[in-house]
């Protein structure tokens, strides 16, 4: 369950970032490589209740350089 939430959060962060001021194509594909790390802290209150915190930090590079999301970094805390 936690893995699904983390992946969804990562996708939301990546695609919610504003694009650079460059002219972007209105259609077609783009190639972006994103690398990130996640640190989590699980807190168990009882057998049925627990909580979790996470911090996701990463960066994106486009191919070719200068494209959408090139050299952008992100940090998500939850």
N, C-alpha and C. Protein backbone atom coordinates (compact mmCIF):
# COMPACT_ATOMS: atom_id res chain seq x y z
N UNK A 1 0.82 -1.19 0.00
CA UNK A 1 0.00 0.00 0.00
C UNK A 1 0.86 1.25 0.00
N UNK A 2 1.90 1.29 0.85
CA UNK A 2 2.76 2.47 0.92
C UNK A 2 3.49 2.71 -0.40
N UNK A 3 3.91 1.62 -1.08
CA UNK A 3 4.63 1.76 -2.34
C UNK A 3 3.75 2.42 -3.39
N UNK A 4 2.46 2.07 -3.46
CA UNK A 4 1.54 2.67 -4.42
C UNK A 4 1.38 4.16 -4.15
N UNK A 5 1.25 4.54 -2.91
CA UNK A 5 1.10 5.95 -2.55
C UNK A 5 2.36 6.72 -2.91
N UNK A 6 3.53 6.16 -2.65
CA UNK A 6 4.79 6.84 -2.95
C UNK A 6 4.93 7.06 -4.45
N UNK A 7 4.61 6.05 -5.26
CA UNK A 7 4.72 6.19 -6.72
C UNK A 7 3.74 7.24 -7.23
N UNK A 8 2.54 7.24 -6.70
CA UNK A 8 1.55 8.24 -7.12
C UNK A 8 2.00 9.64 -6.74
N UNK A 9 2.56 9.78 -5.55
CA UNK A 9 3.05 11.09 -5.10
C UNK A 9 4.20 11.56 -5.99
N UNK A 10 5.09 10.65 -6.34
CA UNK A 10 6.21 11.02 -7.20
C UNK A 10 5.72 11.49 -8.57
N UNK A 11 4.77 10.78 -9.14
CA UNK A 11 4.21 11.18 -10.43
C UNK A 11 3.53 12.53 -10.37
N UNK A 12 2.80 12.77 -9.30
CA UNK A 12 2.09 14.05 -9.16
C UNK A 12 3.08 15.19 -9.04
N UNK A 13 4.17 14.99 -8.32
CA UNK A 13 5.18 16.04 -8.16
C UNK A 13 5.86 16.33 -9.49
N UNK A 14 6.24 15.30 -10.20
CA UNK A 14 6.96 15.49 -11.45
C UNK A 14 6.11 16.23 -12.48
N UNK A 15 4.86 15.84 -12.64
CA UNK A 15 4.03 16.43 -13.68
C UNK A 15 3.38 17.74 -13.25
N UNK A 16 3.47 18.10 -11.98
CA UNK A 16 2.90 19.36 -11.53
C UNK A 16 3.90 20.51 -11.63
N UNK A 17 5.15 20.21 -11.93
CA UNK A 17 6.17 21.25 -12.02
C UNK A 17 5.93 22.14 -13.23
N UNK A 18 6.15 23.42 -13.08
CA UNK A 18 6.00 24.31 -14.23
C UNK A 18 7.12 24.08 -15.24
N UNK A 19 6.82 24.24 -16.51
CA UNK A 19 7.82 24.07 -17.56
C UNK A 19 8.66 25.33 -17.67
N UNK A 20 9.84 25.21 -18.27
CA UNK A 20 10.68 26.38 -18.50
C UNK A 20 10.00 27.29 -19.51
N UNK A 21 10.52 28.49 -19.66
CA UNK A 21 9.92 29.48 -20.54
C UNK A 21 10.13 29.17 -22.03
N UNK A 22 10.79 28.07 -22.36
CA UNK A 22 11.02 27.72 -23.76
C UNK A 22 9.72 27.37 -24.46
N UNK A 23 9.71 27.49 -25.76
CA UNK A 23 8.56 27.13 -26.58
C UNK A 23 8.43 25.61 -26.59
N UNK A 24 7.29 25.09 -26.14
CA UNK A 24 7.08 23.65 -26.07
C UNK A 24 6.17 23.20 -27.20
N UNK A 25 6.40 22.01 -27.74
CA UNK A 25 5.51 21.51 -28.79
C UNK A 25 4.13 21.22 -28.22
N UNK A 26 3.10 21.41 -29.04
CA UNK A 26 1.73 21.19 -28.59
C UNK A 26 1.34 19.72 -28.65
N UNK A 27 2.13 18.91 -29.33
CA UNK A 27 1.85 17.47 -29.39
C UNK A 27 3.15 16.72 -29.59
N UNK A 28 3.09 15.41 -29.44
CA UNK A 28 4.27 14.58 -29.63
C UNK A 28 4.80 14.06 -28.30
N UNK A 29 5.90 13.35 -28.39
CA UNK A 29 6.51 12.70 -27.22
C UNK A 29 7.68 13.52 -26.71
N UNK A 30 8.03 13.27 -25.44
CA UNK A 30 9.24 13.85 -24.88
C UNK A 30 9.89 12.79 -24.00
N UNK A 31 11.20 12.88 -23.87
CA UNK A 31 11.98 11.89 -23.14
C UNK A 31 12.58 12.54 -21.90
N UNK A 32 12.19 12.08 -20.71
CA UNK A 32 12.69 12.63 -19.46
C UNK A 32 13.16 11.48 -18.57
N UNK A 33 14.33 11.64 -17.99
CA UNK A 33 14.85 10.68 -17.01
C UNK A 33 14.78 11.34 -15.64
N UNK A 34 14.13 10.67 -14.69
CA UNK A 34 13.98 11.21 -13.35
C UNK A 34 14.60 10.23 -12.35
N UNK A 35 15.45 10.75 -11.50
CA UNK A 35 16.05 9.94 -10.44
C UNK A 35 15.67 10.57 -9.11
N UNK A 36 15.27 9.75 -8.16
CA UNK A 36 14.87 10.27 -6.86
C UNK A 36 15.16 9.26 -5.76
N UNK A 37 15.16 9.75 -4.54
CA UNK A 37 15.31 8.90 -3.37
C UNK A 37 14.19 9.24 -2.39
N UNK A 38 13.75 8.24 -1.65
CA UNK A 38 12.66 8.42 -0.69
C UNK A 38 13.14 7.95 0.67
N UNK A 39 12.95 8.80 1.66
CA UNK A 39 13.23 8.42 3.06
C UNK A 39 11.88 8.36 3.78
N UNK A 40 11.61 7.25 4.46
CA UNK A 40 10.34 7.09 5.16
C UNK A 40 10.57 6.82 6.64
N UNK A 41 9.56 7.13 7.42
CA UNK A 41 9.58 6.87 8.85
C UNK A 41 8.20 6.33 9.22
N UNK A 42 8.14 5.07 9.59
CA UNK A 42 6.87 4.44 9.97
C UNK A 42 6.71 4.49 11.49
N UNK A 43 5.52 4.87 11.92
CA UNK A 43 5.20 4.97 13.35
C UNK A 43 4.01 4.06 13.62
N UNK A 44 4.18 3.03 14.44
CA UNK A 44 3.11 2.10 14.76
C UNK A 44 2.52 2.46 16.12
N UNK A 45 1.20 2.73 16.14
CA UNK A 45 0.51 3.05 17.38
C UNK A 45 -0.04 1.80 18.05
N UNK A 46 -0.55 0.88 17.23
CA UNK A 46 -1.11 -0.38 17.72
C UNK A 46 -1.10 -1.37 16.57
N UNK A 47 -1.72 -2.53 16.75
CA UNK A 47 -1.78 -3.53 15.67
C UNK A 47 -2.62 -3.04 14.49
N UNK A 48 -3.54 -2.12 14.74
CA UNK A 48 -4.45 -1.66 13.68
C UNK A 48 -4.21 -0.22 13.22
N UNK A 49 -3.39 0.54 13.92
CA UNK A 49 -3.18 1.95 13.57
C UNK A 49 -1.69 2.28 13.43
N UNK A 50 -1.36 2.96 12.35
CA UNK A 50 0.02 3.39 12.14
C UNK A 50 0.02 4.66 11.30
N UNK A 51 1.16 5.31 11.25
CA UNK A 51 1.33 6.52 10.45
C UNK A 51 2.68 6.42 9.75
N UNK A 52 2.86 7.23 8.73
CA UNK A 52 4.10 7.22 7.99
C UNK A 52 4.42 8.62 7.48
N UNK A 53 5.69 8.98 7.49
CA UNK A 53 6.13 10.23 6.88
C UNK A 53 7.09 9.88 5.75
N UNK A 54 7.22 10.78 4.79
CA UNK A 54 8.17 10.54 3.71
C UNK A 54 8.77 11.86 3.22
N UNK A 55 9.97 11.75 2.68
CA UNK A 55 10.62 12.88 2.02
C UNK A 55 11.22 12.35 0.72
N UNK A 56 10.78 12.90 -0.39
CA UNK A 56 11.20 12.49 -1.71
C UNK A 56 12.01 13.63 -2.31
N UNK A 57 13.24 13.35 -2.74
CA UNK A 57 14.11 14.36 -3.34
C UNK A 57 14.65 13.79 -4.64
N UNK A 58 14.62 14.61 -5.71
CA UNK A 58 15.12 14.10 -6.98
C UNK A 58 15.38 15.18 -8.00
N UNK A 59 15.76 14.74 -9.19
CA UNK A 59 16.06 15.64 -10.30
C UNK A 59 15.62 15.00 -11.61
N UNK A 60 15.42 15.84 -12.63
CA UNK A 60 14.99 15.37 -13.94
C UNK A 60 15.92 15.94 -15.02
N UNK A 61 16.18 15.13 -16.03
CA UNK A 61 16.96 15.55 -17.19
C UNK A 61 16.20 15.14 -18.44
N UNK A 62 16.21 15.99 -19.46
CA UNK A 62 15.52 15.65 -20.70
C UNK A 62 16.51 15.22 -21.77
N UNK A 63 16.00 14.50 -22.75
CA UNK A 63 16.79 14.07 -23.90
C UNK A 63 16.04 14.49 -25.15
N UNK A 64 16.55 15.43 -25.91
CA UNK A 64 17.84 16.11 -25.83
C UNK A 64 17.83 17.17 -24.74
N UNK A 65 19.01 17.60 -24.30
CA UNK A 65 19.11 18.64 -23.28
C UNK A 65 18.37 19.92 -23.69
N UNK A 66 17.81 20.59 -22.71
CA UNK A 66 17.10 21.83 -22.98
C UNK A 66 15.61 21.64 -23.19
N UNK A 67 15.14 20.41 -23.13
CA UNK A 67 13.73 20.11 -23.34
C UNK A 67 12.91 20.30 -22.07
N UNK A 68 11.66 19.86 -22.14
CA UNK A 68 10.75 19.99 -21.00
C UNK A 68 11.29 19.24 -19.78
N UNK A 69 11.22 19.87 -18.62
CA UNK A 69 11.67 19.35 -17.32
C UNK A 69 13.18 19.15 -17.21
N UNK A 70 13.97 19.70 -18.12
CA UNK A 70 15.42 19.53 -18.08
C UNK A 70 16.01 20.27 -16.88
N UNK A 71 16.86 19.60 -16.14
CA UNK A 71 17.60 20.13 -15.00
C UNK A 71 16.68 20.71 -13.93
N UNK A 72 15.53 20.11 -13.74
CA UNK A 72 14.64 20.53 -12.65
C UNK A 72 14.82 19.58 -11.48
N UNK A 73 14.71 20.13 -10.29
CA UNK A 73 14.80 19.31 -9.09
C UNK A 73 13.48 19.46 -8.31
N UNK A 74 13.23 18.51 -7.42
CA UNK A 74 12.00 18.55 -6.65
C UNK A 74 12.22 17.97 -5.27
N UNK A 75 11.35 18.38 -4.35
CA UNK A 75 11.35 17.86 -2.99
C UNK A 75 9.90 17.79 -2.54
N UNK A 76 9.50 16.65 -2.06
CA UNK A 76 8.13 16.45 -1.59
C UNK A 76 8.20 15.87 -0.20
N UNK A 77 7.51 16.50 0.75
CA UNK A 77 7.49 16.01 2.14
C UNK A 77 6.04 15.75 2.51
N UNK A 78 5.78 14.60 3.10
CA UNK A 78 4.42 14.28 3.47
C UNK A 78 4.35 13.39 4.68
